[in-house]
Amino acid sequence: MCKHLRVWLGIVVFGCSTVAFGEVTSVQERNRCPNGLCWEISGFISWADAEEINRVVQRLRTKAIPFFYLNSKGGDVEAAIAIGRSLRRIRATTLMWDQSECLSSCVFVLAGAVRRVLGGRIGIHRPFSSSTEKREYQSVQLEQRRLAKLAREYLEEVNVSPALWDAMMRVPPERIRVLARPELDNFGITELDPVEQELEDAAEARKYGLSKLEFMRRKGQIDVFCAADLKRGRTVGDFEDYYNCRSRILSSRSKS
């Protein structure tokens, strides 16, 4: 089984027998997927997963938002970046619940989404090669620099700080640094991508007939009065109370 691993991994592996190869599965439960467009990415992230996600993306023929649940300890870095780019193309949402994990290269998948429901454990460490062959120092260094360039360019592409890669490189591959919420915010892994935020704010201001300034004022009220409903949510179906609260504030005739 080990011979199928690609060179650069973003996962803690203690012997090949511990690797659970990845899986992309459709989520059918109504309480987790009311719009019927939900998948789960779990296990070891591989190119097979990247290819399956690409097939999913190509089949989508709707403007509805697709949701992807994440529960993975990591895997192939370049495959994770490819998945992240696929999610970005369709402006997907990723979701994590309290018991789920998104570790190491999985963070690149998380970064690719334009909307993120953050929960569970999100952690990083330095990617490493699966090869035990004898290699020259310069050869390894060149390969690491190639991977660093790819990762940094991708993070900038999805509006996440390239400093995330620097932080990953400082953690030995046999360890995991779990990122606290303030760290995620500092790296730019927030609930909503800033470009997506600007597009959505303008669209909603138009929808409710509000100026941008008035819309932003009301968004501040939403943060105060509807936040508890949002924090309680851990599946797609849990957010109805939040969206009802939000709609009441935005559609209110009072502008005082």
Foldseek 3Di string as FASTA:
>chain_A
DLVPADFKWFAADDDPVVFDDWDKAQDDDCLFCVPRQEIEIETAQDLVVLVVLLVSLVPDDDLDAHEYEYAYRTHDLVSLLSLLQSQLVSLHEYAYFACGEQEASSVNNLLSHQFYHDHHWYKAAAIGTPDPDDDDPVVVVVVVVVVLVVQCVSCVVSVFHSVVNVVRHVHHSNDIDTDDPVRCVVRPSDRGRPVVVVVVLVVLCVVLVHDSVLSVVLVVVLCVPLVVQSVVDRHPNSNPSSVVVSVCSSNDPDSD
